[in-house]
Protein backbone atom coordinates (compact mmCIF):
# COMPACT_ATOMS: atom_id res chain seq x y z
CA MET A 1 65.32 155.73 68.21
CA SER A 2 67.57 157.50 70.72
CA ALA A 3 70.81 156.10 72.21
CA ALA A 4 69.20 155.81 75.73
CA GLN A 5 66.40 153.57 74.04
CA MET A 6 68.98 151.25 72.59
CA THR A 7 71.16 150.83 75.46
CA PRO A 8 69.09 148.24 77.38
CA GLU A 9 68.75 146.00 74.04
CA ARG A 10 72.46 146.11 73.54
CA THR A 11 73.02 145.22 77.09
CA ALA A 12 70.85 142.49 76.97
CA ASN A 13 72.40 141.18 73.89
CA ASP A 14 75.87 141.40 75.36
CA ALA A 15 74.65 139.42 78.48
CA ASP A 16 73.38 136.74 76.14
CA ARG A 17 76.80 136.11 74.50
CA PRO A 18 78.61 134.63 77.48
CA ALA A 19 75.51 132.28 77.93
CA ARG A 20 75.61 131.34 74.16
CA ARG A 21 79.34 130.48 74.45
CA SER A 22 78.87 128.67 77.71
CA ARG A 23 76.34 126.46 76.07
CA LEU A 24 78.39 125.68 73.18
CA LEU A 25 81.55 124.93 75.01
CA SER A 26 79.75 122.77 77.61
CA PRO A 27 80.47 119.56 79.12
CA ALA A 28 77.53 117.88 76.85
CA SER A 29 79.23 119.45 73.69
CA ALA A 30 82.57 117.86 74.76
CA THR A 31 80.60 114.44 75.06
CA VAL A 32 79.04 114.78 71.55
CA LEU A 33 82.17 115.80 70.02
CA GLY A 34 84.08 112.78 71.56
CA ALA A 35 81.34 110.47 70.56
CA LEU A 36 81.57 111.81 67.05
CA VAL A 37 85.27 110.98 66.90
CA LEU A 38 84.82 107.62 67.93
CA GLY A 39 81.91 107.13 65.43
CA VAL A 40 83.96 108.32 62.61
CA THR A 41 86.84 105.98 63.78
CA VAL A 42 84.47 102.77 63.77
CA ALA A 43 83.05 103.97 60.38
CA SER A 44 86.59 103.96 58.86
CA VAL A 45 87.07 100.24 59.46
CA PRO A 46 85.00 99.09 56.61
CA LEU A 47 86.61 101.58 54.42
CA GLU A 48 90.10 100.63 55.16
CA ASP A 49 89.08 96.95 54.75
CA ALA A 50 87.83 97.62 51.24
CA ALA A 51 90.96 99.69 50.48
CA HIS A 52 93.13 96.82 51.90
CA GLN A 53 94.79 99.11 54.48
CA LEU A 54 93.23 97.28 57.59
CA THR A 55 96.07 95.84 59.54
CA VAL A 56 96.85 94.89 63.04
CA SER A 57 98.96 98.04 63.29
CA ASN A 58 96.03 100.07 62.30
CA VAL A 59 93.61 98.42 64.79
CA VAL A 60 95.62 98.47 67.81
CA GLY A 61 98.06 101.36 67.37
CA GLU A 62 95.89 104.07 65.71
CA GLY A 63 92.68 102.83 67.51
CA LEU A 64 94.21 103.05 70.88
CA SER A 65 95.96 106.41 70.05
CA VAL A 66 92.63 107.94 68.90
CA LEU A 67 90.80 106.41 71.90
CA VAL A 68 93.39 107.91 74.38
CA TYR A 69 93.46 111.31 72.66
CA THR A 70 89.74 111.47 72.60
CA ALA A 71 89.33 110.27 76.33
CA VAL A 72 91.79 112.94 77.45
CA GLY A 73 90.25 115.71 75.36
CA VAL A 74 86.73 114.98 76.70
CA ILE A 75 87.78 114.85 80.33
CA VAL A 76 89.66 118.09 80.02
CA ALA A 77 87.04 119.88 78.08
CA ARG A 78 84.24 118.62 80.69
CA ARG A 79 86.18 119.41 83.88
CA GLN A 80 87.44 122.76 82.42
CA PRO A 81 85.32 123.88 79.67
CA ARG A 82 86.88 127.40 79.57
CA ASN A 83 90.39 126.03 78.89
CA PRO A 84 90.77 125.71 75.09
CA LEU A 85 93.37 122.91 75.37
CA GLY A 86 90.81 120.09 75.66
CA TRP A 87 88.86 121.34 72.87
CA ILE A 88 92.01 121.58 70.68
CA LEU A 89 92.87 118.08 71.56
CA LEU A 90 89.45 117.05 70.39
CA MET A 91 89.50 119.15 67.19
CA THR A 92 93.00 117.86 66.25
CA ILE A 93 91.96 114.14 66.79
CA PHE A 94 88.70 114.67 64.88
CA LEU A 95 90.41 116.45 61.86
CA TYR A 96 92.94 113.70 61.79
CA VAL A 97 90.44 110.75 61.84
CA PHE A 98 87.94 112.59 59.41
CA SER A 99 90.52 113.40 56.80
CA ASN A 100 92.13 109.85 57.09
CA GLU A 101 88.54 108.66 56.26
CA LEU A 102 88.23 111.07 53.41
CA GLY A 103 91.55 110.07 51.99
CA THR A 104 90.59 106.28 52.21
CA TYR A 105 87.19 107.09 50.56
CA ALA A 106 89.10 108.99 47.58
CA VAL A 107 91.45 106.21 47.04
CA LEU A 108 88.70 103.76 46.71
CA HIS A 109 86.96 105.70 44.22
CA TYR A 110 90.00 107.14 42.12
CA THR A 111 92.66 104.44 42.55
CA LEU A 112 90.94 101.16 43.28
CA GLY A 113 88.04 101.49 40.92
CA HIS A 114 85.07 101.88 43.12
CA ARG A 115 83.49 104.42 40.70
CA GLY A 116 79.92 104.28 42.25
CA LEU A 117 80.95 106.23 45.28
CA PRO A 118 79.21 109.44 45.58
CA LEU A 119 81.02 112.96 46.38
CA ALA A 120 84.38 111.52 45.83
CA PRO A 121 85.42 115.04 44.58
CA VAL A 122 84.32 116.62 47.79
CA ALA A 123 86.41 113.98 49.56
CA VAL A 124 89.41 114.95 47.44
CA VAL A 125 88.97 118.63 48.33
CA LEU A 126 88.39 118.15 52.01
CA TYR A 127 91.12 115.64 52.59
CA PRO A 128 93.72 118.46 53.27
CA LEU A 129 91.82 118.99 56.53
CA TRP A 130 94.57 117.03 58.02
CA ALA A 131 96.85 120.14 57.75
CA LEU A 132 94.69 122.35 60.14
CA GLY A 133 94.95 119.37 62.78
CA VAL A 134 98.67 119.50 62.49
CA ALA A 135 98.65 123.25 62.99
CA LEU A 136 96.66 123.07 65.90
CA PHE A 137 98.75 120.76 67.93
CA PRO A 138 101.68 123.01 68.63
CA LEU A 139 98.96 125.72 70.31
CA ILE A 140 98.89 122.89 73.12
CA ILE A 141 102.53 123.51 73.85
CA LEU A 142 102.16 127.28 73.91
CA LEU A 143 99.05 127.45 75.93
CA PHE A 144 99.81 124.75 78.38
CA PRO A 145 98.53 124.38 81.26
CA GLU A 146 96.03 127.31 81.70
CA GLY A 147 95.00 127.81 78.13
CA ARG A 148 96.30 131.44 78.18
CA LEU A 149 98.90 133.21 76.11
CA PRO A 150 102.05 133.83 78.19
CA SER A 151 101.75 137.65 77.54
CA ARG A 152 100.07 140.14 75.31
CA ARG A 153 103.24 140.14 73.03
CA TRP A 154 102.67 136.55 72.18
CA LYS A 155 99.32 137.57 70.83
CA TRP A 156 101.22 138.85 67.52
CA VAL A 157 103.44 135.76 67.43
CA LEU A 158 99.96 133.54 67.49
CA TRP A 159 98.44 135.56 64.79
CA GLY A 160 101.41 135.19 62.56
CA TYR A 161 101.55 131.51 63.32
CA LEU A 162 97.92 131.03 62.41
CA ALA A 163 98.30 133.26 59.29
CA LEU A 164 101.09 131.07 58.03
CA CYS A 165 99.15 127.90 58.85
CA GLY A 166 96.32 129.27 56.96
CA PHE A 167 98.43 130.16 53.91
CA VAL A 168 99.90 126.74 53.87
CA ALA A 169 96.52 125.02 54.41
CA THR A 170 95.19 127.01 51.40
CA GLY A 171 98.07 126.03 49.24
CA ILE A 172 97.67 122.42 50.04
CA SER A 173 93.61 122.63 49.29
CA SER A 174 94.26 124.64 46.03
CA GLN A 175 96.17 121.68 44.69
CA ALA A 176 93.08 119.56 45.41
CA VAL A 177 90.92 122.02 43.97
CA ALA A 178 92.65 122.50 40.69
CA ALA A 179 93.05 118.57 40.31
CA VAL A 180 89.35 118.18 40.64
CA ALA A 181 88.60 121.27 38.44
CA ASN A 182 90.91 119.94 35.59
CA HIS A 183 89.65 116.28 36.06
CA ASP A 184 93.18 115.16 36.68
CA ILE A 185 93.14 113.32 40.01
CA HIS A 186 95.81 110.91 40.90
CA LEU A 187 96.22 110.06 44.48
CA ASP A 188 98.83 108.25 46.71
CA SER A 189 97.77 105.52 49.08
CA TYR A 190 96.92 108.09 51.76
CA GLY A 191 94.82 110.36 49.38
CA ASP A 192 97.19 113.15 48.64
CA ILE A 193 97.27 114.53 45.23
CA THR A 194 100.19 113.43 43.04
CA SER A 195 99.06 115.22 39.92
CA GLY A 196 99.34 118.95 38.93
CA GLY A 197 98.40 122.11 40.70
CA HIS A 198 101.66 122.26 42.57
CA PRO A 199 102.94 125.95 43.27
CA THR A 200 105.66 127.16 41.17
CA GLY A 201 107.92 130.19 41.18
CA ILE A 202 107.38 132.63 43.87
CA LEU A 203 104.27 130.88 45.19
CA ALA A 204 106.59 127.77 45.75
CA VAL A 205 109.34 129.90 47.48
CA ALA A 206 106.55 131.51 49.74
CA PHE A 207 105.08 127.93 50.48
CA LEU A 208 108.43 126.61 51.47
CA ALA A 209 109.33 129.84 53.51
CA SER A 210 106.09 129.65 55.44
CA VAL A 211 106.46 125.82 56.19
CA VAL A 212 110.14 126.89 57.63
CA LEU A 213 108.62 129.66 59.56
CA ILE A 214 106.00 127.30 61.16
CA GLY A 215 108.56 125.08 62.07
CA LEU A 216 110.65 127.76 63.76
CA LEU A 217 107.60 129.32 65.65
CA THR A 218 106.93 125.81 66.89
CA LEU A 219 110.25 125.34 68.24
CA SER A 220 109.87 128.93 69.85
CA PHE A 221 106.81 127.41 71.64
CA VAL A 222 109.12 124.54 72.92
CA VAL A 223 111.92 127.15 74.06
CA TYR A 224 109.53 129.24 75.73
CA GLN A 225 108.22 126.17 77.79
CA PHE A 226 111.61 125.14 78.71
CA LEU A 227 112.67 128.53 79.90
CA SER A 228 109.25 128.49 81.82
CA TRP A 229 110.25 125.36 83.59
CA ARG A 230 113.85 126.76 84.51
CA ARG A 231 112.13 129.85 86.18
CA SER A 232 109.25 127.98 87.70
CA THR A 233 108.82 126.24 91.03
CA GLY A 234 106.19 124.27 92.98
CA GLU A 235 103.14 123.07 91.24
CA ARG A 236 103.84 124.68 87.75
CA ARG A 237 107.21 123.07 87.61
CA GLN A 238 105.66 119.66 87.88
CA GLN A 239 103.09 120.50 85.38
CA LEU A 240 105.87 121.26 82.99
CA LYS A 241 107.58 118.14 83.85
CA TRP A 242 104.67 115.93 82.80
CA LEU A 243 104.52 117.93 79.60
CA ALA A 244 108.25 117.52 78.74
CA TRP A 245 108.38 113.79 79.81
CA GLY A 246 105.25 112.94 77.71
CA ALA A 247 106.72 114.87 74.60
CA ALA A 248 109.90 113.15 75.03
CA ILE A 249 108.38 109.63 75.20
CA ALA A 250 105.98 110.34 72.38
CA PHE A 251 108.83 111.70 70.08
CA VAL A 252 111.33 108.88 70.67
CA THR A 253 108.73 106.14 70.31
CA PHE A 254 107.39 107.84 67.21
CA ILE A 255 111.08 107.86 65.56
CA LEU A 256 111.65 104.27 66.49
CA GLY A 257 108.17 103.12 65.41
CA THR A 258 108.68 104.82 62.18
CA THR A 259 112.27 103.21 61.96
CA PHE A 260 110.70 99.87 62.52
CA ASN A 261 107.42 100.35 60.87
CA THR A 262 107.46 97.02 58.71
CA THR A 263 107.58 94.90 62.19
CA ALA A 264 105.56 94.42 65.03
CA VAL A 265 108.09 96.21 67.03
CA GLY A 266 107.19 99.33 65.36
CA SER A 267 103.60 98.88 66.05
CA VAL A 268 104.38 98.45 69.99
CA LEU A 269 106.57 101.46 69.93
CA GLY A 270 104.19 103.63 68.27
CA LEU A 271 101.94 103.25 71.09
CA GLY A 272 104.28 105.44 73.08
CA ILE A 273 102.65 108.49 71.25
CA ILE A 274 99.90 108.23 73.71
CA ALA A 275 102.13 109.12 76.57
CA LEU A 276 101.85 112.92 75.38
CA PRO A 277 97.94 113.15 75.71
CA ILE A 278 98.20 111.35 79.16
CA ALA A 279 100.84 113.65 80.36
CA ILE A 280 98.76 116.79 79.13
CA GLY A 281 95.75 115.40 80.98
CA ILE A 282 97.48 114.87 84.28
CA GLY A 283 99.29 118.29 84.02
CA ILE A 284 96.18 120.21 83.23
CA LEU A 285 93.88 118.38 85.84
CA LYS A 286 96.94 118.39 88.56
CA TYR A 287 96.20 114.72 89.18
CA ARG A 288 98.99 113.24 91.05
CA LEU A 289 101.53 115.70 89.89
CA TYR A 290 104.28 114.84 92.25
CA GLU A 291 104.58 111.20 91.00
CA ILE A 292 106.68 112.47 88.05
CA ASP A 293 109.89 112.15 89.71
CA ARG A 294 109.22 108.63 90.59
CA LEU A 295 107.88 107.89 87.11
CA VAL A 296 111.00 109.34 85.42
CA SER A 297 113.32 107.50 87.64
CA ARG A 298 111.77 104.23 87.33
CA THR A 299 111.54 104.36 83.58
CA LEU A 300 115.07 105.42 83.27
CA ALA A 301 116.17 102.69 85.52
CA TYR A 302 114.33 99.91 83.85
CA ALA A 303 115.32 101.19 80.31
CA ILE A 304 118.97 101.06 81.39
CA VAL A 305 118.71 97.80 83.18
CA THR A 306 116.90 96.31 80.04
CA GLY A 307 119.57 97.71 77.86
CA LEU A 308 122.34 96.15 79.85
CA VAL A 309 120.61 92.92 80.36
CA VAL A 310 120.08 92.40 76.55
CA GLY A 311 123.46 93.46 75.85
CA VAL A 312 124.91 90.97 78.33
CA TYR A 313 122.42 88.30 76.69
CA VAL A 314 123.57 88.93 73.32
CA GLY A 315 127.37 88.98 74.33
CA VAL A 316 127.27 85.85 76.16
CA VAL A 317 125.52 84.16 73.08
CA THR A 318 128.17 85.39 70.82
CA LEU A 319 130.97 84.42 73.16
CA VAL A 320 129.57 80.90 73.63
CA THR A 321 128.93 80.17 70.24
CA LYS A 322 131.48 82.13 68.06
CA VAL A 323 134.42 82.01 70.25
CA LEU A 324 134.17 78.92 72.53
CA GLY A 325 132.32 76.89 69.84
CA PHE A 326 129.29 75.50 71.98
CA SER A 327 126.10 74.67 70.62
CA SER A 328 123.29 77.28 70.25
CA PRO A 329 121.10 75.55 73.30
CA VAL A 330 123.97 75.83 75.48
CA ALA A 331 124.63 79.51 74.51
CA VAL A 332 121.00 80.40 75.28
CA ALA A 333 121.03 78.47 78.61
CA ALA A 334 124.09 80.28 79.70
CA SER A 335 122.85 83.82 78.59
CA THR A 336 119.58 83.28 80.43
CA LEU A 337 121.45 82.33 83.68
CA ALA A 338 123.70 85.22 83.21
CA ALA A 339 120.89 87.72 82.52
CA VAL A 340 118.71 86.43 85.53
CA ALA A 341 121.61 86.59 87.93
CA LEU A 342 122.59 90.22 86.73
CA PHE A 343 119.11 91.64 86.62
CA ASN A 344 118.40 92.35 90.61
CA PRO A 345 121.94 93.75 91.38
CA LEU A 346 121.89 95.87 88.37
CA ARG A 347 118.44 97.01 89.02
CA ILE A 348 119.45 98.13 92.64
CA ARG A 349 122.70 99.76 91.56
CA VAL A 350 121.09 101.67 88.42
CA GLN A 351 118.05 102.61 90.62
CA HIS A 352 120.35 104.12 93.09
CA ILE A 353 122.28 106.18 90.65
CA VAL A 354 119.14 107.37 88.78
CA ASP A 355 117.34 108.38 92.04
CA ARG A 356 120.41 110.51 93.07
CA ARG A 357 120.18 112.48 89.66
CA PHE A 358 116.47 112.33 88.89
CA ASN A 359 114.64 111.71 92.16
CA ARG A 360 116.64 113.56 94.59
CA ALA A 361 113.93 113.79 97.34
CA ARG A 362 113.45 110.02 97.39
CA TYR A 363 117.27 109.46 97.44
CA ASP A 364 117.57 111.90 100.25
CA ALA A 365 114.81 110.50 102.33
CA GLU A 366 116.01 106.89 101.91
CA ALA A 367 119.67 108.13 103.01
CA THR A 368 118.25 109.98 106.19
CA VAL A 369 116.30 106.91 107.08
CA ALA A 370 119.31 104.52 106.61
CA THR A 371 121.37 106.93 108.61
CA PHE A 372 118.85 106.91 111.39
CA THR A 373 118.54 103.29 111.40
CA ALA A 374 122.39 102.85 111.91
CA ARG A 375 122.21 105.24 114.77
CA LEU A 376 119.12 103.41 116.42
CA ARG A 377 121.23 100.26 117.01
CA ASP A 378 123.31 101.84 119.57
CA ALA A 379 120.52 104.30 121.13
CA VAL A 380 119.33 103.36 124.67
CA ASP A 381 117.70 106.63 125.74
CA LEU A 382 113.98 106.59 124.77
CA GLU A 383 113.88 110.59 124.78
CA THR A 384 116.85 110.86 122.24
CA VAL A 385 115.16 108.26 120.09
CA ARG A 386 111.84 110.13 120.08
CA ARG A 387 113.73 113.33 119.10
CA GLU A 388 115.67 111.77 116.36
CA LEU A 389 112.67 110.15 115.08
CA LEU A 390 110.93 113.31 114.70
CA GLU A 391 113.90 114.88 113.20
CA VAL A 392 114.24 112.19 110.62
CA VAL A 393 110.42 112.27 109.69
CA ASN A 394 110.66 116.19 109.12
CA ARG A 395 113.47 115.93 106.73
CA ALA A 396 112.21 112.95 105.02
CA VAL A 397 108.54 113.80 104.28
CA GLU A 398 108.12 117.34 105.55
CA PRO A 399 104.87 116.88 107.26
CA ALA A 400 102.88 119.88 108.64
CA HIS A 401 103.15 118.61 112.17
CA ALA A 402 104.29 115.19 113.68
CA SER A 403 104.16 113.70 117.07
CA VAL A 404 105.15 110.25 118.68
CA TRP A 405 102.79 108.42 121.03
CA ILE A 406 104.44 105.94 123.11
CA ARG A 407 102.28 103.26 124.97
CA ARG A 408 103.22 102.47 128.68
CA ARG A 409 103.16 99.02 129.69
CA GLU A 410 100.60 98.37 132.63
């Protein structure tokens, strides 16, 4: 067969590839994958109950986190199916939920004595899938918000990162495979292998070096986005602000939640992790981007005010009970009155300071309006008032056009 005869068939096959790819990465596929994640999450409840791992923290904290991550992933994948970030979110949360269920299943069989469970060795071997989920998540930082690499040079960085993650994932999986092959399976409460198969010698050094390099490459993704934020303007700057703010809230609340993991406070703080997928979804879909400055200023202001009020409350209780020797009810009443009296003045003052630093547009607009209001008290000429009002509106809200209509009395 000649080359000329083969060309139409090859052209037809090439034309079919984008169609097959679009059918695979379609809104329907996103919905199915999201439903699969939620189904696996629901199926994990009886397993965790049987393994005595079902707690209020798991139901509220992890359940809400999985729901939010899944919802954002489905929405982004349905709205922008060509953007890989929605699919990465979905695959990350699916691998986390699925591996968590596999670990609980393996613990039931090998640790808690439920020997009748089928395919328990398979669960042990597949449990390290969580490592792939962890490896996928930093790619969201690198590819945010359009889902494309910054430049061709980053292609080699991406391939190097994926190769290192593959090596580490293979090393973790080999431990599970060796344990199953040697019939020496001992697990911790999560399902990780604690017996045999650990790399030694040069393999151990290579494994550790790979983990360190993965951490450094992840840090380079963060540094790149920070430098991109410094150089960007307009809409892209707002998108990166959402990513940074969501990541900061998630990181801080995760650390605090880990620190207070034995209390209900830790569970509540752990919910802050959902700030990251919400910020990612808003940044990608460009939904109400320009409210980030207001959100930042309000969050900071109320956090500072809360800290100050709590400090005053504790200080007054200590002063009244330890120094002045009053009874505990009197101390509580005095502290409550002091906190209530200070809250609103503190809120106004702190909000003013925070707006001046983090929400400058609102601060300048309020200052402009306040100055105009002060001048308006002495104004008598209607034309002057009209001209100054238009100037204030232009400086405060920067509209495309503005006009003043004055109704004449008949």
